[in-house]
N, C-alpha and C. Protein backbone atom coordinates (compact mmCIF):
# COMPACT_ATOMS: atom_id res chain seq x y z
N MET A 1 -11.63 9.28 -24.32
CA MET A 1 -11.54 7.93 -23.80
C MET A 1 -11.71 6.96 -24.95
N LYS A 2 -10.91 5.93 -24.95
CA LYS A 2 -10.97 4.92 -26.00
C LYS A 2 -12.26 4.12 -25.86
N HIS A 3 -12.92 3.86 -26.97
CA HIS A 3 -14.16 3.10 -26.93
C HIS A 3 -13.88 1.61 -26.87
N LEU A 4 -14.57 0.93 -26.01
CA LEU A 4 -14.48 -0.52 -25.90
C LEU A 4 -15.65 -1.12 -26.67
N LEU A 5 -15.59 -2.41 -26.92
CA LEU A 5 -16.61 -3.04 -27.74
C LEU A 5 -18.00 -2.96 -27.14
N HIS A 6 -18.12 -2.89 -25.84
CA HIS A 6 -19.43 -2.87 -25.20
C HIS A 6 -19.94 -1.45 -24.97
N GLU A 7 -19.16 -0.45 -25.30
CA GLU A 7 -19.58 0.93 -25.10
C GLU A 7 -20.17 1.52 -26.37
N LYS A 8 -20.88 2.60 -26.19
CA LYS A 8 -21.45 3.31 -27.32
C LYS A 8 -20.30 3.88 -28.14
N SER A 9 -20.40 3.80 -29.43
CA SER A 9 -19.33 4.25 -30.31
C SER A 9 -19.90 5.22 -31.33
N ASP A 10 -19.02 6.02 -31.94
CA ASP A 10 -19.47 6.90 -33.01
C ASP A 10 -19.47 6.18 -34.36
N GLN A 11 -19.12 4.89 -34.35
CA GLN A 11 -19.17 4.08 -35.57
C GLN A 11 -20.64 3.77 -35.89
N PRO A 12 -20.95 3.57 -37.16
CA PRO A 12 -22.32 3.16 -37.50
C PRO A 12 -22.67 1.87 -36.77
N GLU A 13 -23.93 1.73 -36.41
CA GLU A 13 -24.39 0.58 -35.62
C GLU A 13 -24.06 -0.75 -36.31
N PHE A 14 -24.16 -0.80 -37.65
CA PHE A 14 -23.89 -2.06 -38.32
C PHE A 14 -22.42 -2.49 -38.15
N VAL A 15 -21.50 -1.51 -38.04
CA VAL A 15 -20.09 -1.84 -37.81
C VAL A 15 -19.92 -2.40 -36.40
N CYS A 16 -20.53 -1.76 -35.43
CA CYS A 16 -20.45 -2.23 -34.05
C CYS A 16 -21.03 -3.63 -33.92
N CYS A 17 -22.16 -3.86 -34.57
CA CYS A 17 -22.79 -5.19 -34.51
C CYS A 17 -21.90 -6.24 -35.17
N ALA A 18 -21.28 -5.89 -36.28
CA ALA A 18 -20.41 -6.83 -36.97
C ALA A 18 -19.20 -7.20 -36.11
N VAL A 19 -18.63 -6.20 -35.44
CA VAL A 19 -17.47 -6.46 -34.57
C VAL A 19 -17.89 -7.36 -33.42
N ARG A 20 -19.05 -7.05 -32.79
CA ARG A 20 -19.54 -7.87 -31.69
C ARG A 20 -19.82 -9.29 -32.16
N ALA A 21 -20.47 -9.43 -33.31
CA ALA A 21 -20.81 -10.76 -33.84
C ALA A 21 -19.55 -11.56 -34.15
N ALA A 22 -18.55 -10.89 -34.71
CA ALA A 22 -17.30 -11.59 -35.02
C ALA A 22 -16.63 -12.07 -33.74
N ALA A 23 -16.66 -11.24 -32.72
CA ALA A 23 -16.05 -11.61 -31.45
C ALA A 23 -16.79 -12.79 -30.82
N VAL A 24 -18.11 -12.71 -30.80
CA VAL A 24 -18.91 -13.77 -30.20
C VAL A 24 -18.79 -15.05 -31.03
N GLY A 25 -18.75 -14.91 -32.36
CA GLY A 25 -18.63 -16.06 -33.25
C GLY A 25 -17.33 -16.82 -33.04
N ARG A 26 -16.29 -16.12 -32.60
CA ARG A 26 -15.01 -16.77 -32.32
C ARG A 26 -14.94 -17.24 -30.87
N GLY A 27 -16.07 -17.15 -30.16
CA GLY A 27 -16.10 -17.59 -28.77
C GLY A 27 -15.46 -16.59 -27.82
N LEU A 28 -15.41 -15.33 -28.21
CA LEU A 28 -14.78 -14.30 -27.38
C LEU A 28 -15.83 -13.49 -26.67
N ASP A 29 -15.52 -13.06 -25.49
CA ASP A 29 -16.39 -12.17 -24.75
C ASP A 29 -16.03 -10.75 -25.17
N PRO A 30 -16.96 -10.01 -25.82
CA PRO A 30 -16.62 -8.68 -26.31
C PRO A 30 -16.33 -7.67 -25.19
N ILE A 31 -16.58 -8.02 -23.96
CA ILE A 31 -16.27 -7.11 -22.87
C ILE A 31 -14.84 -7.32 -22.37
N THR A 32 -14.32 -8.54 -22.45
CA THR A 32 -12.98 -8.81 -21.93
C THR A 32 -11.96 -9.11 -23.01
N SER A 33 -12.37 -9.17 -24.28
CA SER A 33 -11.44 -9.42 -25.38
C SER A 33 -11.58 -8.33 -26.41
N ASN A 34 -10.46 -7.99 -27.07
CA ASN A 34 -10.55 -7.00 -28.13
C ASN A 34 -10.93 -7.68 -29.44
N TYR A 35 -10.99 -6.94 -30.52
CA TYR A 35 -11.43 -7.49 -31.80
C TYR A 35 -10.53 -8.61 -32.31
N ALA A 36 -9.28 -8.64 -31.88
CA ALA A 36 -8.35 -9.66 -32.34
C ALA A 36 -8.36 -10.89 -31.43
N GLY A 37 -9.18 -10.86 -30.40
CA GLY A 37 -9.26 -11.99 -29.50
C GLY A 37 -8.25 -11.97 -28.38
N VAL A 38 -7.53 -10.86 -28.25
CA VAL A 38 -6.54 -10.73 -27.18
C VAL A 38 -7.28 -10.28 -25.92
N LEU A 39 -7.00 -10.96 -24.82
CA LEU A 39 -7.65 -10.58 -23.57
C LEU A 39 -7.24 -9.18 -23.17
N MET A 40 -8.23 -8.41 -22.73
CA MET A 40 -7.94 -7.06 -22.26
C MET A 40 -7.55 -7.13 -20.79
N ILE A 41 -6.79 -6.16 -20.36
CA ILE A 41 -6.37 -6.06 -18.97
C ILE A 41 -7.45 -5.30 -18.21
N THR A 42 -7.90 -5.87 -17.10
CA THR A 42 -8.87 -5.18 -16.26
C THR A 42 -8.11 -4.51 -15.13
N LEU A 43 -8.28 -3.20 -15.05
CA LEU A 43 -7.58 -2.40 -14.06
C LEU A 43 -8.59 -1.81 -13.10
N LYS A 44 -8.34 -1.99 -11.79
CA LYS A 44 -9.19 -1.35 -10.79
C LYS A 44 -8.65 0.05 -10.57
N LEU A 45 -9.33 1.01 -11.16
CA LEU A 45 -8.85 2.39 -11.19
C LEU A 45 -9.89 3.31 -10.57
N ASN A 46 -9.49 4.01 -9.54
CA ASN A 46 -10.37 4.93 -8.83
C ASN A 46 -11.67 4.26 -8.40
N GLY A 47 -11.54 3.02 -7.93
CA GLY A 47 -12.68 2.29 -7.39
C GLY A 47 -13.56 1.60 -8.40
N GLN A 48 -13.23 1.68 -9.68
CA GLN A 48 -14.04 1.04 -10.72
C GLN A 48 -13.17 0.12 -11.57
N GLU A 49 -13.80 -0.95 -12.05
CA GLU A 49 -13.11 -1.88 -12.94
C GLU A 49 -13.12 -1.29 -14.36
N HIS A 50 -11.95 -1.25 -14.98
CA HIS A 50 -11.80 -0.73 -16.34
C HIS A 50 -11.13 -1.78 -17.21
N PRO A 51 -11.88 -2.42 -18.15
CA PRO A 51 -11.20 -3.32 -19.10
C PRO A 51 -10.47 -2.45 -20.14
N LEU A 52 -9.17 -2.63 -20.25
CA LEU A 52 -8.36 -1.80 -21.14
C LEU A 52 -7.70 -2.64 -22.21
N ASP A 53 -7.77 -2.18 -23.42
CA ASP A 53 -7.14 -2.86 -24.56
C ASP A 53 -5.71 -2.35 -24.69
N VAL A 54 -4.84 -2.85 -23.79
CA VAL A 54 -3.44 -2.43 -23.75
C VAL A 54 -2.56 -3.66 -23.54
N THR A 55 -1.28 -3.51 -23.83
CA THR A 55 -0.34 -4.59 -23.55
C THR A 55 0.13 -4.47 -22.10
N GLU A 56 0.60 -5.58 -21.56
CA GLU A 56 1.02 -5.61 -20.16
C GLU A 56 2.22 -4.71 -19.87
N ASP A 57 3.04 -4.44 -20.89
CA ASP A 57 4.24 -3.64 -20.65
C ASP A 57 4.01 -2.14 -20.86
N MET A 58 2.79 -1.75 -21.22
CA MET A 58 2.50 -0.32 -21.38
C MET A 58 2.66 0.36 -20.02
N PRO A 59 3.32 1.53 -19.97
CA PRO A 59 3.40 2.25 -18.71
C PRO A 59 2.00 2.59 -18.18
N LEU A 60 1.81 2.40 -16.90
CA LEU A 60 0.54 2.67 -16.26
C LEU A 60 0.05 4.10 -16.55
N LEU A 61 0.97 5.04 -16.60
CA LEU A 61 0.62 6.44 -16.87
C LEU A 61 -0.18 6.58 -18.15
N TRP A 62 0.27 5.92 -19.21
CA TRP A 62 -0.41 6.06 -20.51
C TRP A 62 -1.75 5.32 -20.51
N ALA A 63 -1.83 4.21 -19.80
CA ALA A 63 -3.11 3.51 -19.68
C ALA A 63 -4.12 4.39 -18.94
N ILE A 64 -3.66 5.06 -17.88
CA ILE A 64 -4.53 5.94 -17.10
C ILE A 64 -4.98 7.13 -17.94
N ARG A 65 -4.03 7.81 -18.58
CA ARG A 65 -4.34 9.04 -19.30
C ARG A 65 -5.01 8.80 -20.65
N ASP A 66 -4.35 7.99 -21.49
CA ASP A 66 -4.78 7.89 -22.88
C ASP A 66 -5.88 6.88 -23.12
N VAL A 67 -5.97 5.86 -22.29
CA VAL A 67 -6.97 4.82 -22.52
C VAL A 67 -8.15 5.00 -21.58
N ALA A 68 -7.89 5.14 -20.28
CA ALA A 68 -8.99 5.29 -19.32
C ALA A 68 -9.52 6.72 -19.26
N GLY A 69 -8.72 7.69 -19.69
CA GLY A 69 -9.20 9.08 -19.78
C GLY A 69 -9.06 9.91 -18.52
N TYR A 70 -8.28 9.46 -17.54
CA TYR A 70 -8.04 10.25 -16.33
C TYR A 70 -6.77 11.08 -16.56
N THR A 71 -6.93 12.36 -16.82
CA THR A 71 -5.80 13.19 -17.25
C THR A 71 -5.15 14.00 -16.13
N GLY A 72 -5.55 13.79 -14.89
CA GLY A 72 -4.95 14.53 -13.78
C GLY A 72 -3.52 14.12 -13.51
N THR A 73 -3.20 12.86 -13.77
CA THR A 73 -1.83 12.37 -13.58
C THR A 73 -0.99 12.87 -14.74
N LYS A 74 0.13 13.50 -14.45
CA LYS A 74 0.93 14.17 -15.49
C LYS A 74 2.20 13.40 -15.85
N PHE A 75 2.63 13.59 -17.08
CA PHE A 75 3.93 13.10 -17.54
C PHE A 75 4.96 14.19 -17.25
N GLY A 76 6.05 13.79 -16.59
CA GLY A 76 7.12 14.76 -16.30
C GLY A 76 8.41 14.36 -16.96
N CYS A 77 9.03 13.31 -16.45
CA CYS A 77 10.35 12.92 -16.95
C CYS A 77 10.36 11.59 -17.68
N GLY A 78 9.41 10.71 -17.39
CA GLY A 78 9.37 9.40 -18.02
C GLY A 78 10.37 8.41 -17.44
N MET A 79 11.05 8.79 -16.36
CA MET A 79 12.06 7.92 -15.75
C MET A 79 11.82 7.70 -14.26
N GLY A 80 10.69 8.16 -13.75
CA GLY A 80 10.38 7.97 -12.34
C GLY A 80 11.18 8.85 -11.40
N LEU A 81 11.71 9.95 -11.90
CA LEU A 81 12.59 10.79 -11.09
C LEU A 81 11.93 12.06 -10.55
N CYS A 82 10.86 12.53 -11.19
CA CYS A 82 10.32 13.84 -10.81
C CYS A 82 9.07 13.76 -9.94
N GLY A 83 8.32 12.66 -10.01
CA GLY A 83 7.14 12.50 -9.16
C GLY A 83 5.85 13.08 -9.71
N SER A 84 5.87 13.72 -10.87
CA SER A 84 4.64 14.30 -11.43
C SER A 84 3.57 13.24 -11.71
N CYS A 85 4.00 12.03 -11.97
CA CYS A 85 3.09 10.95 -12.36
C CYS A 85 2.67 10.08 -11.18
N THR A 86 2.86 10.56 -9.95
CA THR A 86 2.59 9.74 -8.77
C THR A 86 1.12 9.37 -8.65
N VAL A 87 0.88 8.08 -8.43
CA VAL A 87 -0.45 7.53 -8.15
C VAL A 87 -0.32 6.68 -6.88
N HIS A 88 -1.44 6.19 -6.38
CA HIS A 88 -1.41 5.25 -5.27
C HIS A 88 -1.73 3.87 -5.80
N ILE A 89 -0.90 2.90 -5.46
CA ILE A 89 -1.16 1.50 -5.78
C ILE A 89 -1.33 0.80 -4.44
N ASP A 90 -2.55 0.34 -4.19
CA ASP A 90 -2.91 -0.22 -2.89
C ASP A 90 -2.50 0.73 -1.76
N GLY A 91 -2.71 2.02 -1.97
CA GLY A 91 -2.47 3.03 -0.95
C GLY A 91 -1.06 3.58 -0.87
N LEU A 92 -0.13 2.99 -1.60
CA LEU A 92 1.26 3.45 -1.55
C LEU A 92 1.60 4.28 -2.78
N PRO A 93 2.41 5.33 -2.62
CA PRO A 93 2.77 6.15 -3.78
C PRO A 93 3.67 5.37 -4.74
N ALA A 94 3.43 5.54 -6.03
CA ALA A 94 4.23 4.88 -7.06
C ALA A 94 4.31 5.78 -8.27
N ARG A 95 5.40 5.65 -9.01
CA ARG A 95 5.59 6.43 -10.24
C ARG A 95 4.97 5.66 -11.41
N SER A 96 3.91 6.19 -11.94
CA SER A 96 3.16 5.48 -12.99
C SER A 96 3.87 5.47 -14.33
N CYS A 97 4.84 6.34 -14.54
CA CYS A 97 5.54 6.38 -15.83
C CYS A 97 6.47 5.19 -16.02
N ILE A 98 6.89 4.54 -14.92
CA ILE A 98 7.80 3.41 -15.02
C ILE A 98 7.17 2.11 -14.51
N THR A 99 5.89 2.15 -14.19
CA THR A 99 5.19 0.97 -13.70
C THR A 99 4.42 0.33 -14.84
N PRO A 100 4.74 -0.90 -15.23
CA PRO A 100 3.98 -1.55 -16.30
C PRO A 100 2.54 -1.84 -15.83
N VAL A 101 1.59 -1.61 -16.69
CA VAL A 101 0.18 -1.80 -16.32
C VAL A 101 -0.07 -3.25 -15.90
N GLY A 102 0.63 -4.20 -16.49
CA GLY A 102 0.44 -5.60 -16.14
C GLY A 102 0.85 -5.92 -14.71
N SER A 103 1.70 -5.09 -14.12
CA SER A 103 2.17 -5.35 -12.76
C SER A 103 1.17 -4.93 -11.69
N VAL A 104 0.12 -4.22 -12.07
CA VAL A 104 -0.85 -3.75 -11.08
C VAL A 104 -2.22 -4.42 -11.21
N VAL A 105 -2.31 -5.42 -12.08
CA VAL A 105 -3.58 -6.15 -12.22
C VAL A 105 -3.91 -6.78 -10.87
N GLY A 106 -5.14 -6.59 -10.42
CA GLY A 106 -5.57 -7.11 -9.14
C GLY A 106 -5.31 -6.17 -7.98
N GLN A 107 -4.63 -5.06 -8.24
CA GLN A 107 -4.38 -4.07 -7.20
C GLN A 107 -5.26 -2.85 -7.45
N SER A 108 -5.42 -2.05 -6.43
CA SER A 108 -6.24 -0.85 -6.53
C SER A 108 -5.34 0.34 -6.87
N VAL A 109 -5.67 1.03 -7.95
CA VAL A 109 -4.90 2.20 -8.39
C VAL A 109 -5.78 3.44 -8.20
N ALA A 110 -5.25 4.45 -7.54
CA ALA A 110 -5.98 5.71 -7.33
C ALA A 110 -5.18 6.86 -7.91
N THR A 111 -5.89 7.78 -8.56
CA THR A 111 -5.25 8.95 -9.16
C THR A 111 -5.76 10.22 -8.49
N ILE A 112 -5.12 11.32 -8.81
CA ILE A 112 -5.52 12.63 -8.30
C ILE A 112 -6.96 12.96 -8.73
N ASP A 113 -7.43 12.37 -9.82
CA ASP A 113 -8.76 12.66 -10.34
C ASP A 113 -9.86 12.26 -9.36
N ASN A 114 -9.58 11.32 -8.48
CA ASN A 114 -10.61 10.82 -7.56
C ASN A 114 -10.24 11.07 -6.10
N LEU A 115 -9.24 11.88 -5.85
CA LEU A 115 -8.77 12.10 -4.49
C LEU A 115 -9.79 12.86 -3.64
N HIS A 116 -10.70 13.57 -4.28
CA HIS A 116 -11.72 14.32 -3.54
C HIS A 116 -12.63 13.39 -2.73
N SER A 117 -12.67 12.11 -3.07
CA SER A 117 -13.53 11.17 -2.33
C SER A 117 -12.82 10.57 -1.12
N ASP A 118 -11.59 10.94 -0.88
CA ASP A 118 -10.79 10.45 0.24
C ASP A 118 -10.68 11.57 1.28
N PRO A 119 -11.08 11.33 2.54
CA PRO A 119 -11.02 12.40 3.54
C PRO A 119 -9.61 12.98 3.74
N VAL A 120 -8.59 12.14 3.71
CA VAL A 120 -7.22 12.66 3.85
C VAL A 120 -6.86 13.47 2.61
N GLY A 121 -7.22 12.97 1.44
CA GLY A 121 -6.99 13.70 0.20
C GLY A 121 -7.69 15.05 0.19
N GLN A 122 -8.91 15.08 0.71
CA GLN A 122 -9.64 16.36 0.79
C GLN A 122 -8.90 17.36 1.67
N ALA A 123 -8.42 16.88 2.81
CA ALA A 123 -7.70 17.77 3.73
C ALA A 123 -6.43 18.31 3.09
N VAL A 124 -5.71 17.45 2.37
CA VAL A 124 -4.47 17.88 1.72
C VAL A 124 -4.79 18.89 0.61
N GLN A 125 -5.80 18.59 -0.20
CA GLN A 125 -6.16 19.52 -1.28
C GLN A 125 -6.58 20.88 -0.71
N GLN A 126 -7.35 20.87 0.37
CA GLN A 126 -7.79 22.13 0.97
C GLN A 126 -6.61 22.90 1.54
N ALA A 127 -5.67 22.20 2.16
CA ALA A 127 -4.47 22.87 2.68
C ALA A 127 -3.65 23.48 1.55
N TRP A 128 -3.61 22.80 0.41
CA TRP A 128 -2.89 23.32 -0.77
C TRP A 128 -3.56 24.63 -1.22
N LEU A 129 -4.87 24.62 -1.26
CA LEU A 129 -5.59 25.83 -1.69
C LEU A 129 -5.42 26.96 -0.67
N ASP A 130 -5.60 26.63 0.61
CA ASP A 130 -5.49 27.65 1.66
C ASP A 130 -4.10 28.28 1.70
N GLY A 131 -3.07 27.47 1.44
CA GLY A 131 -1.70 27.98 1.49
C GLY A 131 -1.19 28.52 0.18
N GLY A 132 -2.01 28.48 -0.86
CA GLY A 132 -1.56 28.96 -2.17
C GLY A 132 -0.28 28.28 -2.61
N VAL A 133 -0.23 26.97 -2.43
CA VAL A 133 1.00 26.22 -2.68
C VAL A 133 1.43 26.28 -4.14
N ALA A 134 0.50 26.05 -5.04
CA ALA A 134 0.86 25.91 -6.45
C ALA A 134 1.33 27.23 -7.05
N GLN A 135 2.36 27.14 -7.86
CA GLN A 135 2.78 28.29 -8.66
C GLN A 135 2.40 27.98 -10.10
N CYS A 136 3.15 27.15 -10.80
CA CYS A 136 2.71 26.76 -12.14
C CYS A 136 1.71 25.61 -12.05
N GLY A 137 1.86 24.77 -11.00
CA GLY A 137 0.90 23.71 -10.74
C GLY A 137 1.16 22.38 -11.41
N PHE A 138 2.12 22.30 -12.31
CA PHE A 138 2.30 21.07 -13.07
C PHE A 138 2.63 19.87 -12.19
N CYS A 139 3.48 20.04 -11.21
CA CYS A 139 3.91 18.92 -10.36
C CYS A 139 2.95 18.66 -9.21
N GLN A 140 2.01 19.53 -8.99
CA GLN A 140 1.25 19.50 -7.75
C GLN A 140 0.37 18.26 -7.57
N GLY A 141 -0.12 17.67 -8.65
CA GLY A 141 -0.89 16.43 -8.52
C GLY A 141 -0.05 15.35 -7.86
N GLY A 142 1.18 15.18 -8.32
CA GLY A 142 2.09 14.20 -7.73
C GLY A 142 2.46 14.56 -6.31
N GLN A 143 2.66 15.85 -6.05
CA GLN A 143 2.99 16.30 -4.69
C GLN A 143 1.84 15.96 -3.74
N ILE A 144 0.62 16.24 -4.18
CA ILE A 144 -0.56 15.99 -3.34
C ILE A 144 -0.74 14.49 -3.10
N MET A 145 -0.50 13.68 -4.12
CA MET A 145 -0.63 12.22 -3.95
C MET A 145 0.41 11.71 -2.94
N SER A 146 1.63 12.19 -3.02
CA SER A 146 2.67 11.77 -2.07
C SER A 146 2.36 12.25 -0.66
N ALA A 147 1.88 13.49 -0.54
CA ALA A 147 1.53 14.03 0.78
C ALA A 147 0.38 13.25 1.40
N THR A 148 -0.60 12.90 0.60
CA THR A 148 -1.75 12.12 1.10
C THR A 148 -1.29 10.75 1.59
N ALA A 149 -0.44 10.09 0.81
CA ALA A 149 0.07 8.78 1.22
C ALA A 149 0.85 8.90 2.54
N LEU A 150 1.64 9.96 2.67
CA LEU A 150 2.39 10.18 3.91
C LEU A 150 1.46 10.30 5.10
N LEU A 151 0.43 11.15 4.98
CA LEU A 151 -0.46 11.39 6.12
C LEU A 151 -1.32 10.18 6.47
N LYS A 152 -1.48 9.27 5.55
CA LYS A 152 -2.23 8.05 5.86
C LYS A 152 -1.42 7.10 6.74
N VAL A 153 -0.10 7.11 6.58
CA VAL A 153 0.74 6.23 7.41
C VAL A 153 1.36 6.97 8.59
N ASN A 154 1.44 8.29 8.51
CA ASN A 154 2.04 9.09 9.58
C ASN A 154 1.20 10.35 9.74
N PRO A 155 0.18 10.31 10.59
CA PRO A 155 -0.75 11.44 10.69
C PRO A 155 -0.17 12.73 11.28
N LYS A 156 1.01 12.65 11.89
CA LYS A 156 1.64 13.86 12.46
C LYS A 156 3.14 13.84 12.18
N PRO A 157 3.52 14.05 10.91
CA PRO A 157 4.93 13.95 10.55
C PRO A 157 5.74 15.17 10.97
N SER A 158 7.01 14.93 11.24
CA SER A 158 7.95 16.02 11.53
C SER A 158 8.43 16.61 10.20
N ASP A 159 9.15 17.71 10.27
CA ASP A 159 9.72 18.30 9.06
C ASP A 159 10.62 17.30 8.34
N ALA A 160 11.46 16.60 9.11
CA ALA A 160 12.38 15.62 8.51
C ALA A 160 11.62 14.49 7.83
N GLN A 161 10.52 14.02 8.44
CA GLN A 161 9.72 12.95 7.84
C GLN A 161 9.02 13.42 6.56
N ILE A 162 8.58 14.67 6.56
CA ILE A 162 7.97 15.23 5.36
C ILE A 162 9.00 15.30 4.25
N GLU A 163 10.17 15.81 4.56
CA GLU A 163 11.23 15.93 3.56
C GLU A 163 11.61 14.57 2.99
N GLU A 164 11.68 13.56 3.86
CA GLU A 164 12.02 12.22 3.41
C GLU A 164 10.93 11.65 2.49
N ALA A 165 9.67 11.85 2.86
CA ALA A 165 8.56 11.31 2.06
C ALA A 165 8.41 12.04 0.73
N MET A 166 8.76 13.29 0.69
CA MET A 166 8.54 14.11 -0.50
C MET A 166 9.77 14.24 -1.39
N ILE A 167 10.86 13.58 -1.01
CA ILE A 167 12.13 13.76 -1.72
C ILE A 167 12.05 13.38 -3.20
N GLY A 168 11.20 12.46 -3.56
CA GLY A 168 11.08 12.03 -4.95
C GLY A 168 10.19 12.92 -5.80
N ASN A 169 9.66 13.99 -5.22
CA ASN A 169 8.80 14.91 -5.97
C ASN A 169 9.53 16.23 -6.17
N ILE A 170 9.75 16.57 -7.42
CA ILE A 170 10.49 17.79 -7.76
C ILE A 170 9.51 18.89 -8.13
N CYS A 171 9.74 20.07 -7.58
CA CYS A 171 8.97 21.26 -7.93
C CYS A 171 9.93 22.27 -8.55
N ARG A 172 9.81 22.47 -9.84
CA ARG A 172 10.73 23.39 -10.53
C ARG A 172 10.52 24.83 -10.10
N CYS A 173 9.35 25.14 -9.53
CA CYS A 173 9.08 26.49 -9.06
C CYS A 173 9.61 26.72 -7.64
N GLY A 174 10.01 25.65 -6.97
CA GLY A 174 10.61 25.77 -5.64
C GLY A 174 9.63 26.07 -4.53
N THR A 175 8.44 25.48 -4.55
CA THR A 175 7.44 25.75 -3.51
C THR A 175 7.56 24.81 -2.32
N TYR A 176 8.74 24.30 -2.07
CA TYR A 176 8.94 23.28 -1.03
C TYR A 176 8.50 23.74 0.36
N ASN A 177 8.78 24.98 0.73
CA ASN A 177 8.37 25.46 2.05
C ASN A 177 6.86 25.53 2.17
N ARG A 178 6.20 25.97 1.10
CA ARG A 178 4.72 26.01 1.13
C ARG A 178 4.14 24.60 1.17
N ILE A 179 4.79 23.65 0.49
CA ILE A 179 4.34 22.26 0.51
C ILE A 179 4.43 21.72 1.94
N LYS A 180 5.55 21.96 2.59
CA LYS A 180 5.74 21.47 3.96
C LYS A 180 4.71 22.10 4.90
N THR A 181 4.47 23.39 4.75
CA THR A 181 3.49 24.08 5.59
C THR A 181 2.09 23.50 5.36
N ALA A 182 1.76 23.24 4.11
CA ALA A 182 0.43 22.69 3.79
C ALA A 182 0.26 21.29 4.36
N ILE A 183 1.31 20.49 4.35
CA ILE A 183 1.22 19.14 4.92
C ILE A 183 0.99 19.24 6.43
N HIS A 184 1.70 20.14 7.09
CA HIS A 184 1.47 20.34 8.53
C HIS A 184 0.04 20.81 8.79
N GLN A 185 -0.47 21.71 7.93
CA GLN A 185 -1.83 22.23 8.08
C GLN A 185 -2.85 21.11 7.89
N ALA A 186 -2.66 20.28 6.89
CA ALA A 186 -3.58 19.16 6.65
C ALA A 186 -3.54 18.19 7.82
N ALA A 187 -2.35 17.91 8.35
CA ALA A 187 -2.22 17.01 9.50
C ALA A 187 -2.96 17.58 10.71
N ALA A 188 -2.81 18.87 10.95
CA ALA A 188 -3.50 19.51 12.08
C ALA A 188 -5.02 19.45 11.89
N HIS A 189 -5.47 19.70 10.68
CA HIS A 189 -6.91 19.64 10.40
C HIS A 189 -7.46 18.23 10.64
N LEU A 190 -6.72 17.23 10.20
CA LEU A 190 -7.16 15.85 10.39
C LEU A 190 -7.16 15.48 11.87
N GLN A 191 -6.18 15.97 12.64
CA GLN A 191 -6.16 15.71 14.09
C GLN A 191 -7.35 16.38 14.78
N GLU A 192 -7.67 17.61 14.37
CA GLU A 192 -8.83 18.31 14.94
C GLU A 192 -10.12 17.58 14.62
N ALA A 193 -10.23 17.06 13.42
CA ALA A 193 -11.44 16.35 13.00
C ALA A 193 -11.64 15.07 13.81
N LYS A 194 -10.54 14.44 14.24
CA LYS A 194 -10.64 13.22 15.07
C LYS A 194 -11.07 13.52 16.48
N ALA A 195 -10.71 14.73 16.97
CA ALA A 195 -11.00 15.09 18.38
C ALA A 195 -12.45 15.38 18.63
């Protein structure tokens, strides 16, 4: 994880103090501005505010992985075609590889790294495990994020609705039937839990 000015650093303390003093001396807040005085972008990621020293046009995927340190979201194609990089932005699935970080300021971004805290996400992850869905597993984070978003808006989807919702997620191992079965299993579990 990239160190911010207000975090503990492996730099000698006198260097950290000098950077902080220079920032404060220029009237900058060392928590919201970088050493050059450029305002940092604050991203609400997995329920926490993260001030990130990135440009607004940086793909959200790289801000999540390389700057904030959440590595569950994967790079697949870089063109928004495969779905490996799927995250939730205000609850809706989005491809983080083509989403500029500046476009999500003020919105809530959730990644696979924190899906265990979501009851629907838990049910989907458990169904994935119970059904042995993953083969190589590379695309599965994006698959799970899309499936979770689907079940939040449609708690009892048909096969056709599942196929429509999951069409943007590619599995090179071809586990589509297991994915569909797991989504039905998660939906059934969630319905039982409500009863």
